[in-house]
PDB file of N, CA and C in Angstrom:
ATOM      1  N   MET A   1     131.119 -83.051 160.250  1.00  0.00           N
ATOM      2  CA  MET A   1     131.595 -84.200 159.499  1.00  0.00           C
ATOM      3  C   MET A   1     131.214 -84.095 158.028  1.00  0.00           C
ATOM      4  N   ILE A   2     130.036 -83.629 157.722  1.00  0.00           N
ATOM      5  CA  ILE A   2     129.600 -83.570 156.333  1.00  0.00           C
ATOM      6  C   ILE A   2     130.463 -82.598 155.529  1.00  0.00           C
ATOM      7  N   THR A   3     131.009 -81.577 156.154  1.00  0.00           N
ATOM      8  CA  THR A   3     131.827 -80.627 155.420  1.00  0.00           C
ATOM      9  C   THR A   3     133.011 -81.301 154.753  1.00  0.00           C
ATOM     10  N   GLY A   4     133.457 -82.423 155.276  1.00  0.00           N
ATOM     11  CA  GLY A   4     134.562 -83.144 154.665  1.00  0.00           C
ATOM     12  C   GLY A   4     134.236 -83.667 153.279  1.00  0.00           C
ATOM     13  N   TRP A   5     132.949 -83.769 152.978  1.00  0.00           N
ATOM     14  CA  TRP A   5     132.562 -84.260 151.660  1.00  0.00           C
ATOM     15  C   TRP A   5     132.945 -83.278 150.566  1.00  0.00           C
ATOM     16  N   ILE A   6     133.171 -82.039 150.927  1.00  0.00           N
ATOM     17  CA  ILE A   6     133.535 -81.057 149.907  1.00  0.00           C
ATOM     18  C   ILE A   6     135.036 -80.840 149.839  1.00  0.00           C
ATOM     19  N   VAL A   7     135.785 -81.701 150.486  1.00  0.00           N
ATOM     20  CA  VAL A   7     137.224 -81.516 150.552  1.00  0.00           C
ATOM     21  C   VAL A   7     137.864 -81.486 149.166  1.00  0.00           C
ATOM     22  N   LEU A   8     137.410 -82.317 148.243  1.00  0.00           N
ATOM     23  CA  LEU A   8     138.009 -82.344 146.917  1.00  0.00           C
ATOM     24  C   LEU A   8     137.704 -81.072 146.141  1.00  0.00           C
ATOM     25  N   VAL A   9     136.531 -80.510 146.342  1.00  0.00           N
ATOM     26  CA  VAL A   9     136.180 -79.258 145.675  1.00  0.00           C
ATOM     27  C   VAL A   9     137.081 -78.138 146.177  1.00  0.00           C
ATOM     28  N   VAL A  10     137.314 -78.088 147.472  1.00  0.00           N
ATOM     29  CA  VAL A  10     138.188 -77.069 148.055  1.00  0.00           C
ATOM     30  C   VAL A  10     139.599 -77.202 147.507  1.00  0.00           C
ATOM     31  N   ILE A  11     140.102 -78.410 147.435  1.00  0.00           N
ATOM     32  CA  ILE A  11     141.442 -78.637 146.911  1.00  0.00           C
ATOM     33  C   ILE A  11     141.519 -78.189 145.454  1.00  0.00           C
ATOM     34  N   GLN A  12     140.491 -78.485 144.661  1.00  0.00           N
ATOM     35  CA  GLN A  12     140.498 -78.084 143.262  1.00  0.00           C
ATOM     36  C   GLN A  12     140.490 -76.563 143.137  1.00  0.00           C
ATOM     37  N   ARG A  13     139.768 -75.871 143.997  1.00  0.00           N
ATOM     38  CA  ARG A  13     139.730 -74.411 143.931  1.00  0.00           C
ATOM     39  C   ARG A  13     141.097 -73.834 144.289  1.00  0.00           C
ATOM     40  N   LYS A  14     141.754 -74.361 145.307  1.00  0.00           N
ATOM     41  CA  LYS A  14     143.098 -73.903 145.648  1.00  0.00           C
ATOM     42  C   LYS A  14     144.032 -74.163 144.477  1.00  0.00           C
ATOM     43  N   HIS A  15     143.834 -75.302 143.838  1.00  0.00           N
ATOM     44  CA  HIS A  15     144.666 -75.689 142.698  1.00  0.00           C
ATOM     45  C   HIS A  15     144.554 -74.649 141.585  1.00  0.00           C
ATOM     46  N   ARG A  16     143.368 -74.157 141.347  1.00  0.00           N
ATOM     47  CA  ARG A  16     143.167 -73.171 140.278  1.00  0.00           C
ATOM     48  C   ARG A  16     143.774 -71.811 140.636  1.00  0.00           C
ATOM     49  N   ARG A  17     143.700 -71.440 141.924  1.00  0.00           N
ATOM     50  CA  ARG A  17     144.209 -70.132 142.340  1.00  0.00           C
ATOM     51  C   ARG A  17     145.726 -70.074 142.344  1.00  0.00           C
ATOM     52  N   ASN A  18     146.378 -71.163 142.665  1.00  0.00           N
ATOM     53  CA  ASN A  18     147.833 -71.181 142.776  1.00  0.00           C
ATOM     54  C   ASN A  18     148.439 -71.768 141.520  1.00  0.00           C
ATOM     55  N   ASN A  19     149.156 -70.964 140.792  1.00  0.00           N
ATOM     56  CA  ASN A  19     149.680 -71.405 139.513  1.00  0.00           C
ATOM     57  C   ASN A  19     151.043 -72.070 139.594  1.00  0.00           C
ATOM     58  N   ASP A  20     151.757 -71.897 140.700  1.00  0.00           N
ATOM     59  CA  ASP A  20     153.078 -72.525 140.735  1.00  0.00           C
ATOM     60  C   ASP A  20     152.931 -74.035 140.912  1.00  0.00           C
ATOM     61  N   GLU A  21     153.884 -74.752 140.373  1.00  0.00           N
ATOM     62  CA  GLU A  21     153.812 -76.210 140.287  1.00  0.00           C
ATOM     63  C   GLU A  21     153.656 -76.883 141.635  1.00  0.00           C
ATOM     64  N   LYS A  22     154.334 -76.376 142.661  1.00  0.00           N
ATOM     65  CA  LYS A  22     154.289 -76.998 143.986  1.00  0.00           C
ATOM     66  C   LYS A  22     152.875 -77.062 144.538  1.00  0.00           C
ATOM     67  N   ASN A  23     152.102 -76.003 144.356  1.00  0.00           N
ATOM     68  CA  ASN A  23     150.760 -75.939 144.905  1.00  0.00           C
ATOM     69  C   ASN A  23     149.720 -76.642 144.038  1.00  0.00           C
ATOM     70  N   GLN A  24     150.097 -77.097 142.858  1.00  0.00           N
ATOM     71  CA  GLN A  24     149.134 -77.755 141.986  1.00  0.00           C
ATOM     72  C   GLN A  24     148.928 -79.214 142.348  1.00  0.00           C
ATOM     73  N   CYS A  25     149.781 -79.772 143.143  1.00  0.00           N
ATOM     74  CA  CYS A  25     149.657 -81.184 143.507  1.00  0.00           C
ATOM     75  C   CYS A  25     148.705 -81.339 144.683  1.00  0.00           C
ATOM     76  N   ASN A  26     147.630 -82.095 144.489  1.00  0.00           N
ATOM     77  CA  ASN A  26     146.688 -82.345 145.577  1.00  0.00           C
ATOM     78  C   ASN A  26     147.339 -83.080 146.735  1.00  0.00           C
ATOM     79  N   CYS A  27     148.441 -83.760 146.475  1.00  0.00           N
ATOM     80  CA  CYS A  27     149.123 -84.512 147.525  1.00  0.00           C
ATOM     81  C   CYS A  27     149.674 -83.596 148.611  1.00  0.00           C
ATOM     82  N   ASN A  28     149.857 -82.318 148.322  1.00  0.00           N
ATOM     83  CA  ASN A  28     150.320 -81.371 149.327  1.00  0.00           C
ATOM     84  C   ASN A  28     149.328 -81.216 150.472  1.00  0.00           C
ATOM     85  N   TYR A  29     148.086 -81.567 150.248  1.00  0.00           N
ATOM     86  CA  TYR A  29     147.041 -81.373 151.247  1.00  0.00           C
ATOM     87  C   TYR A  29     146.622 -82.677 151.925  1.00  0.00           C
ATOM     88  N   MET A  30     147.298 -83.764 151.645  1.00  0.00           N
ATOM     89  CA  MET A  30     146.878 -85.074 152.139  1.00  0.00           C
ATOM     90  C   MET A  30     146.813 -85.143 153.660  1.00  0.00           C
ATOM     91  N   ASN A  31     147.751 -84.512 154.352  1.00  0.00           N
ATOM     92  CA  ASN A  31     147.768 -84.589 155.817  1.00  0.00           C
ATOM     93  C   ASN A  31     146.557 -83.921 156.447  1.00  0.00           C
ATOM     94  N   ASN A  32     145.869 -83.058 155.718  1.00  0.00           N
ATOM     95  CA  ASN A  32     144.703 -82.359 156.249  1.00  0.00           C
ATOM     96  C   ASN A  32     143.412 -83.160 156.110  1.00  0.00           C
ATOM     97  N   ILE A  33     143.410 -84.207 155.346  1.00  0.00           N
ATOM     98  CA  ILE A  33     142.189 -84.961 155.066  1.00  0.00           C
ATOM     99  C   ILE A  33     142.017 -86.060 156.105  1.00  0.00           C
ATOM    100  N   LYS A  34     140.905 -85.996 156.825  1.00  0.00           N
ATOM    101  CA  LYS A  34     140.583 -87.001 157.849  1.00  0.00           C
ATOM    102  C   LYS A  34     139.223 -87.651 157.600  1.00  0.00           C
ATOM    103  N   THR A  35     138.397 -87.011 156.788  1.00  0.00           N
ATOM    104  CA  THR A  35     137.033 -87.458 156.547  1.00  0.00           C
ATOM    105  C   THR A  35     137.009 -88.641 155.591  1.00  0.00           C
ATOM    106  N   PRO A  36     136.226 -89.684 155.900  1.00  0.00           N
ATOM    107  CA  PRO A  36     136.078 -90.786 154.945  1.00  0.00           C
ATOM    108  C   PRO A  36     135.687 -90.252 153.573  1.00  0.00           C
ATOM    109  N   SER A  37     136.330 -90.777 152.551  1.00  0.00           N
ATOM    110  CA  SER A  37     136.176 -90.206 151.214  1.00  0.00           C
ATOM    111  C   SER A  37     135.833 -91.262 150.180  1.00  0.00           C
ATOM    112  N   LEU A  38     134.787 -91.011 149.427  1.00  0.00           N
ATOM    113  CA  LEU A  38     134.395 -91.859 148.312  1.00  0.00           C
ATOM    114  C   LEU A  38     134.857 -91.179 147.034  1.00  0.00           C
ATOM    115  N   LEU A  39     135.668 -91.878 146.246  1.00  0.00           N
ATOM    116  CA  LEU A  39     136.178 -91.343 144.990  1.00  0.00           C
ATOM    117  C   LEU A  39     135.476 -92.055 143.842  1.00  0.00           C
ATOM    118  N   ILE A  40     134.747 -91.310 143.045  1.00  0.00           N
ATOM    119  CA  ILE A  40     134.039 -91.874 141.897  1.00  0.00           C
ATOM    120  C   ILE A  40     134.698 -91.312 140.642  1.00  0.00           C
ATOM    121  N   THR A  41     135.103 -92.191 139.763  1.00  0.00           N
ATOM    122  CA  THR A  41     135.811 -91.754 138.569  1.00  0.00           C
ATOM    123  C   THR A  41     135.342 -92.524 137.346  1.00  0.00           C
ATOM    124  N   GLY A  42     135.308 -91.832 136.231  1.00  0.00           N
ATOM    125  CA  GLY A  42     134.961 -92.469 134.967  1.00  0.00           C
ATOM    126  C   GLY A  42     136.217 -93.007 134.291  1.00  0.00           C
ATOM    127  N   GLU A  43     136.135 -94.198 133.779  1.00  0.00           N
ATOM    128  CA  GLU A  43     137.303 -94.794 133.129  1.00  0.00           C
ATOM    129  C   GLU A  43     137.677 -94.079 131.832  1.00  0.00           C
ATOM    130  N   ALA A  44     136.756 -93.314 131.255  1.00  0.00           N
ATOM    131  CA  ALA A  44     137.046 -92.570 130.024  1.00  0.00           C
ATOM    132  C   ALA A  44     137.172 -91.072 130.306  1.00  0.00           C
ATOM    133  N   ASP A  45     137.534 -90.720 131.527  1.00  0.00           N
ATOM    134  CA  ASP A  45     137.688 -89.321 131.919  1.00  0.00           C
ATOM    135  C   ASP A  45     139.081 -88.854 131.540  1.00  0.00           C
ATOM    136  N   TYR A  46     139.154 -87.929 130.588  1.00  0.00           N
ATOM    137  CA  TYR A  46     140.450 -87.424 130.152  1.00  0.00           C
ATOM    138  C   TYR A  46     140.824 -86.120 130.846  1.00  0.00           C
ATOM    139  N   ARG A  47     139.862 -85.476 131.537  1.00  0.00           N
ATOM    140  CA  ARG A  47     140.171 -84.271 132.319  1.00  0.00           C
ATOM    141  C   ARG A  47     140.883 -84.641 133.614  1.00  0.00           C
ATOM    142  N   THR A  48     140.401 -85.684 134.258  1.00  0.00           N
ATOM    143  CA  THR A  48     141.021 -86.188 135.476  1.00  0.00           C
ATOM    144  C   THR A  48     141.285 -87.675 135.245  1.00  0.00           C
ATOM    145  N   PRO A  49     142.449 -88.019 134.733  1.00  0.00           N
ATOM    146  CA  PRO A  49     142.724 -89.421 134.409  1.00  0.00           C
ATOM    147  C   PRO A  49     142.573 -90.335 135.620  1.00  0.00           C
ATOM    148  N   ILE A  50     142.141 -91.537 135.363  1.00  0.00           N
ATOM    149  CA  ILE A  50     141.897 -92.494 136.440  1.00  0.00           C
ATOM    150  C   ILE A  50     143.163 -92.757 137.250  1.00  0.00           C
ATOM    151  N   SER A  51     144.319 -92.601 136.634  1.00  0.00           N
ATOM    152  CA  SER A  51     145.572 -92.803 137.368  1.00  0.00           C
ATOM    153  C   SER A  51     145.711 -91.794 138.510  1.00  0.00           C
ATOM    154  N   GLU A  52     145.228 -90.565 138.310  1.00  0.00           N
ATOM    155  CA  GLU A  52     145.278 -89.570 139.382  1.00  0.00           C
ATOM    156  C   GLU A  52     144.346 -89.949 140.527  1.00  0.00           C
ATOM    157  N   THR A  53     143.178 -90.457 140.190  1.00  0.00           N
ATOM    158  CA  THR A  53     142.243 -90.899 141.223  1.00  0.00           C
ATOM    159  C   THR A  53     142.839 -92.053 142.015  1.00  0.00           C
ATOM    160  N   GLU A  54     143.488 -92.967 141.326  1.00  0.00           N
ATOM    161  CA  GLU A  54     144.107 -94.104 142.009  1.00  0.00           C
ATOM    162  C   GLU A  54     145.251 -93.651 142.919  1.00  0.00           C
ATOM    163  N   GLN A  55     146.026 -92.669 142.480  1.00  0.00           N
ATOM    164  CA  GLN A  55     147.094 -92.139 143.333  1.00  0.00           C
ATOM    165  C   GLN A  55     146.509 -91.460 144.568  1.00  0.00           C
ATOM    166  N   PHE A  56     145.438 -90.709 144.377  1.00  0.00           N
ATOM    167  CA  PHE A  56     144.786 -90.036 145.498  1.00  0.00           C
ATOM    168  C   PHE A  56     144.233 -91.075 146.478  1.00  0.00           C
ATOM    169  N   TYR A  57     143.650 -92.125 145.945  1.00  0.00           N
ATOM    170  CA  TYR A  57     143.120 -93.223 146.761  1.00  0.00           C
ATOM    171  C   TYR A  57     144.237 -93.848 147.604  1.00  0.00           C
ATOM    172  N   GLN A  58     145.359 -94.162 146.963  1.00  0.00           N
ATOM    173  CA  GLN A  58     146.486 -94.766 147.683  1.00  0.00           C
ATOM    174  C   GLN A  58     147.020 -93.832 148.765  1.00  0.00           C
ATOM    175  N   ALA A  59     147.097 -92.547 148.465  1.00  0.00           N
ATOM    176  CA  ALA A  59     147.581 -91.579 149.450  1.00  0.00           C
ATOM    177  C   ALA A  59     146.646 -91.512 150.655  1.00  0.00           C
ATOM    178  N   LEU A  60     145.327 -91.552 150.413  1.00  0.00           N
ATOM    179  CA  LEU A  60     144.367 -91.560 151.515  1.00  0.00           C
ATOM    180  C   LEU A  60     144.524 -92.825 152.351  1.00  0.00           C
ATOM    181  N   LYS A  61     144.708 -93.955 151.698  1.00  0.00           N
ATOM    182  CA  LYS A  61     144.900 -95.222 152.414  1.00  0.00           C
ATOM    183  C   LYS A  61     146.152 -95.165 153.289  1.00  0.00           C
ATOM    184  N   LEU A  62     147.237 -94.587 152.761  1.00  0.00           N
ATOM    185  CA  LEU A  62     148.475 -94.473 153.542  1.00  0.00           C
ATOM    186  C   LEU A  62     148.296 -93.571 154.763  1.00  0.00           C
ATOM    187  N   GLN A  63     147.339 -92.637 154.691  1.00  0.00           N
ATOM    188  CA  GLN A  63     147.029 -91.757 155.826  1.00  0.00           C
ATOM    189  C   GLN A  63     145.989 -92.397 156.749  1.00  0.00           C
ATOM    190  N   ASN A  64     145.609 -93.636 156.482  1.00  0.00           N
ATOM    191  CA  ASN A  64     144.589 -94.368 157.263  1.00  0.00           C
ATOM    192  C   ASN A  64     143.224 -93.685 157.225  1.00  0.00           C
ATOM    193  N   VAL A  65     142.920 -93.047 156.113  1.00  0.00           N
ATOM    194  CA  VAL A  65     141.597 -92.457 155.905  1.00  0.00           C
ATOM    195  C   VAL A  65     140.737 -93.529 155.252  1.00  0.00           C
ATOM    196  N   ASP A  66     139.563 -93.774 155.820  1.00  0.00           N
ATOM    197  CA  ASP A  66     138.657 -94.746 155.220  1.00  0.00           C
ATOM    198  C   ASP A  66     138.221 -94.209 153.870  1.00  0.00           C
ATOM    199  N   THR A  67     138.470 -94.975 152.834  1.00  0.00           N
ATOM    200  CA  THR A  67     138.183 -94.504 151.486  1.00  0.00           C
ATOM    201  C   THR A  67     137.775 -95.668 150.599  1.00  0.00           C
ATOM    202  N   ALA A  68     137.052 -95.336 149.557  1.00  0.00           N
ATOM    203  CA  ALA A  68     136.666 -96.325 148.550  1.00  0.00           C
ATOM    204  C   ALA A  68     136.762 -95.647 147.194  1.00  0.00           C
ATOM    205  N   ILE A  69     137.048 -96.455 146.200  1.00  0.00           N
ATOM    206  CA  ILE A  69     137.124 -95.933 144.834  1.00  0.00           C
ATOM    207  C   ILE A  69     136.109 -96.698 143.979  1.00  0.00           C
ATOM    208  N   VAL A  70     135.371 -95.966 143.181  1.00  0.00           N
ATOM    209  CA  VAL A  70     134.402 -96.563 142.259  1.00  0.00           C
ATOM    210  C   VAL A  70     134.839 -96.186 140.850  1.00  0.00           C
ATOM    211  N   ARG A  71     135.109 -97.199 140.046  1.00  0.00           N
ATOM    212  CA  ARG A  71     135.479 -96.980 138.642  1.00  0.00           C
ATOM    213  C   ARG A  71     134.251 -97.231 137.788  1.00  0.00           C
ATOM    214  N   MET A  72     133.802 -96.188 137.094  1.00  0.00           N
ATOM    215  CA  MET A  72     132.603 -96.300 136.265  1.00  0.00           C
ATOM    216  C   MET A  72     133.035 -96.550 134.813  1.00  0.00           C
ATOM    217  N   PRO A  73     132.759 -97.750 134.280  1.00  0.00           N
ATOM    218  CA  PRO A  73     133.178 -98.066 132.905  1.00  0.00           C
ATOM    219  C   PRO A  73     132.530 -97.154 131.875  1.00  0.00           C
ATOM    220  N   HIS A  74     133.278 -96.811 130.855  1.00  0.00           N
ATOM    221  CA  HIS A  74     132.803 -96.031 129.702  1.00  0.00           C
ATOM    222  C   HIS A  74     132.357 -94.617 130.055  1.00  0.00           C
ATOM    223  N   MET A  75     132.630 -94.145 131.267  1.00  0.00           N
ATOM    224  CA  MET A  75     132.147 -92.836 131.689  1.00  0.00           C
ATOM    225  C   MET A  75     133.231 -91.783 131.543  1.00  0.00           C
ATOM    226  N   SER A  76     132.787 -90.565 131.183  1.00  0.00           N
ATOM    227  CA  SER A  76     133.701 -89.429 131.095  1.00  0.00           C
ATOM    228  C   SER A  76     133.653 -88.653 132.416  1.00  0.00           C
ATOM    229  N   HIS A  77     134.055 -87.414 132.385  1.00  0.00           N
ATOM    230  CA  HIS A  77     134.158 -86.603 133.600  1.00  0.00           C
ATOM    231  C   HIS A  77     132.795 -86.340 134.246  1.00  0.00           C
ATOM    232  N   ALA A  78     131.753 -86.156 133.455  1.00  0.00           N
ATOM    233  CA  ALA A  78     130.442 -85.780 133.994  1.00  0.00           C
ATOM    234  C   ALA A  78     129.737 -86.932 134.711  1.00  0.00           C
ATOM    235  N   LEU A  79     129.996 -88.155 134.337  1.00  0.00           N
ATOM    236  CA  LEU A  79     129.383 -89.340 134.943  1.00  0.00           C
ATOM    237  C   LEU A  79     127.863 -89.351 134.822  1.00  0.00           C
ATOM    238  N   THR A  80     127.317 -88.615 133.871  1.00  0.00           N
ATOM    239  CA  THR A  80     125.857 -88.544 133.743  1.00  0.00           C
ATOM    240  C   THR A  80     125.392 -88.714 132.302  1.00  0.00           C
ATOM    241  N   ALA A  81     126.163 -89.385 131.481  1.00  0.00           N
ATOM    242  CA  ALA A  81     125.827 -89.510 130.062  1.00  0.00           C
ATOM    243  C   ALA A  81     124.485 -90.204 129.846  1.00  0.00           C
ATOM    244  N   ARG A  82     124.166 -91.127 130.709  1.00  0.00           N
ATOM    245  CA  ARG A  82     122.882 -91.837 130.633  1.00  0.00           C
ATOM    246  C   ARG A  82     122.210 -91.774 131.995  1.00  0.00           C
ATOM    247  N   PRO A  83     120.877 -91.789 132.009  1.00  0.00           N
ATOM    248  CA  PRO A  83     120.179 -91.797 133.298  1.00  0.00           C
ATOM    249  C   PRO A  83     120.599 -92.973 134.184  1.00  0.00           C
ATOM    250  N   SER A  84     120.877 -94.110 133.581  1.00  0.00           N
ATOM    251  CA  SER A  84     121.283 -95.271 134.387  1.00  0.00           C
ATOM    252  C   SER A  84     122.635 -95.035 135.055  1.00  0.00           C
ATOM    253  N   TYR A  85     123.535 -94.286 134.394  1.00  0.00           N
ATOM    254  CA  TYR A  85     124.833 -93.970 135.000  1.00  0.00           C
ATOM    255  C   TYR A  85     124.655 -93.019 136.182  1.00  0.00           C
ATOM    256  N   LEU A  86     123.784 -92.031 136.002  1.00  0.00           N
ATOM    257  CA  LEU A  86     123.500 -91.098 137.081  1.00  0.00           C
ATOM    258  C   LEU A  86     122.895 -91.838 138.275  1.00  0.00           C
ATOM    259  N   GLN A  87     121.977 -92.743 137.996  1.00  0.00           N
ATOM    260  CA  GLN A  87     121.365 -93.530 139.062  1.00  0.00           C
ATOM    261  C   GLN A  87     122.416 -94.359 139.792  1.00  0.00           C
ATOM    262  N   GLN A  88     123.299 -94.976 139.052  1.00  0.00           N
ATOM    263  CA  GLN A  88     124.356 -95.784 139.642  1.00  0.00           C
ATOM    264  C   GLN A  88     125.267 -94.927 140.527  1.00  0.00           C
ATOM    265  N   LYS A  89     125.641 -93.760 140.039  1.00  0.00           N
ATOM    266  CA  LYS A  89     126.474 -92.837 140.811  1.00  0.00           C
ATOM    267  C   LYS A  89     125.777 -92.455 142.118  1.00  0.00           C
ATOM    268  N   LEU A  90     124.490 -92.111 142.030  1.00  0.00           N
ATOM    269  CA  LEU A  90     123.739 -91.724 143.224  1.00  0.00           C
ATOM    270  C   LEU A  90     123.595 -92.879 144.204  1.00  0.00           C
ATOM    271  N   GLU A  91     123.464 -94.097 143.697  1.00  0.00           N
ATOM    272  CA  GLU A  91     123.376 -95.262 144.584  1.00  0.00           C
ATOM    273  C   GLU A  91     124.677 -95.459 145.365  1.00  0.00           C
ATOM    274  N   TYR A  92     125.812 -95.252 144.718  1.00  0.00           N
ATOM    275  CA  TYR A  92     127.089 -95.341 145.429  1.00  0.00           C
ATOM    276  C   TYR A  92     127.198 -94.267 146.506  1.00  0.00           C
ATOM    277  N   ILE A  93     126.777 -93.049 146.176  1.00  0.00           N
ATOM    278  CA  ILE A  93     126.839 -91.961 147.153  1.00  0.00           C
ATOM    279  C   ILE A  93     125.933 -92.257 148.343  1.00  0.00           C
ATOM    280  N   LEU A  94     124.728 -92.730 148.069  1.00  0.00           N
ATOM    281  CA  LEU A  94     123.812 -93.078 149.163  1.00  0.00           C
ATOM    282  C   LEU A  94     124.365 -94.213 150.009  1.00  0.00           C
ATOM    283  N   TRP A  95     124.985 -95.200 149.378  1.00  0.00           N
ATOM    284  CA  TRP A  95     125.623 -96.301 150.110  1.00  0.00           C
ATOM    285  C   TRP A  95     126.696 -95.765 151.050  1.00  0.00           C
ATOM    286  N   TRP A  96     127.508 -94.827 150.550  1.00  0.00           N
ATOM    287  CA  TRP A  96     128.596 -94.271 151.352  1.00  0.00           C
ATOM    288  C   TRP A  96     128.057 -93.486 152.550  1.00  0.00           C
ATOM    289  N   PHE A  97     127.036 -92.648 152.317  1.00  0.00           N
ATOM    290  CA  PHE A  97     126.439 -91.911 153.432  1.00  0.00           C
ATOM    291  C   PHE A  97     125.787 -92.862 154.425  1.00  0.00           C
ATOM    292  N   ASP A  98     125.126 -93.888 153.923  1.00  0.00           N
ATOM    293  CA  ASP A  98     124.482 -94.858 154.803  1.00  0.00           C
ATOM    294  C   ASP A  98     125.515 -95.566 155.687  1.00  0.00           C
ATOM    295  N   LYS A  99     126.669 -95.800 155.136  1.00  0.00           N
ATOM    296  CA  LYS A  99     127.753 -96.452 155.869  1.00  0.00           C
ATOM    297  C   LYS A  99     128.181 -95.627 157.080  1.00  0.00           C
ATOM    298  N   TYR A 100     128.072 -94.303 156.983  1.00  0.00           N
ATOM    299  CA  TYR A 100     128.537 -93.412 158.047  1.00  0.00           C
ATOM    300  C   TYR A 100     127.423 -92.669 158.766  1.00  0.00           C
ATOM    301  N   LYS A 101     126.178 -93.032 158.530  1.00  0.00           N
ATOM    302  CA  LYS A 101     125.080 -92.266 159.136  1.00  0.00           C
ATOM    303  C   LYS A 101     125.082 -92.376 160.657  1.00  0.00           C
ATOM    304  N   ASP A 102     125.518 -93.495 161.223  1.00  0.00           N
ATOM    305  CA  ASP A 102     125.573 -93.615 162.672  1.00  0.00           C
ATOM    306  C   ASP A 102     126.543 -92.608 163.281  1.00  0.00           C
ATOM    307  N   ARG A 103     127.668 -92.395 162.622  1.00  0.00           N
ATOM    308  CA  ARG A 103     128.625 -91.400 163.097  1.00  0.00           C
ATOM    309  C   ARG A 103     128.049 -89.996 163.023  1.00  0.00           C
ATOM    310  N   LEU A 104     127.285 -89.715 161.981  1.00  0.00           N
ATOM    311  CA  LEU A 104     126.680 -88.400 161.831  1.00  0.00           C
ATOM    312  C   LEU A 104     125.601 -88.163 162.893  1.00  0.00           C
ATOM    313  N   GLU A 105     124.837 -89.203 163.208  1.00  0.00           N
ATOM    314  CA  GLU A 105     123.782 -89.077 164.186  1.00  0.00           C
ATOM    315  C   GLU A 105     124.323 -88.873 165.597  1.00  0.00           C
ATOM    316  N   GLU A 106     125.518 -89.387 165.868  1.00  0.00           N
ATOM    317  CA  GLU A 106     126.137 -89.224 167.173  1.00  0.00           C
ATOM    318  C   GLU A 106     126.508 -87.774 167.446  1.00  0.00           C
ATOM    319  N   LYS A 107     126.823 -87.031 166.402  1.00  0.00           N
ATOM    320  CA  LYS A 107     127.303 -85.644 166.596  1.00  0.00           C
ATOM    321  C   LYS A 107     126.212 -84.670 166.685  1.00  0.00           C
TER     322      LYS A 107
END
């Protein structure tokens, strides 16, 4: 189950390897995603615009994948400009894992 947490990293790597337009859309892989997914995005992220995160969120919802989106105000792509931002990001991640720890313990 934990391997699903790296699903976005895997999709990004495939995205980099395949240069044709069809394979660059993360939506091509939506049917493969079953793991609950927490999407954390900075509102000032120009590398991955918040609109893309929102589209990905909606696509996961349409696939009935349990998902949540966290919009971090004033944050860029790194989400670590200040220690308080990093702490906030880590608190969301811990909350998400805590939400599913019973499922992990069952396996």
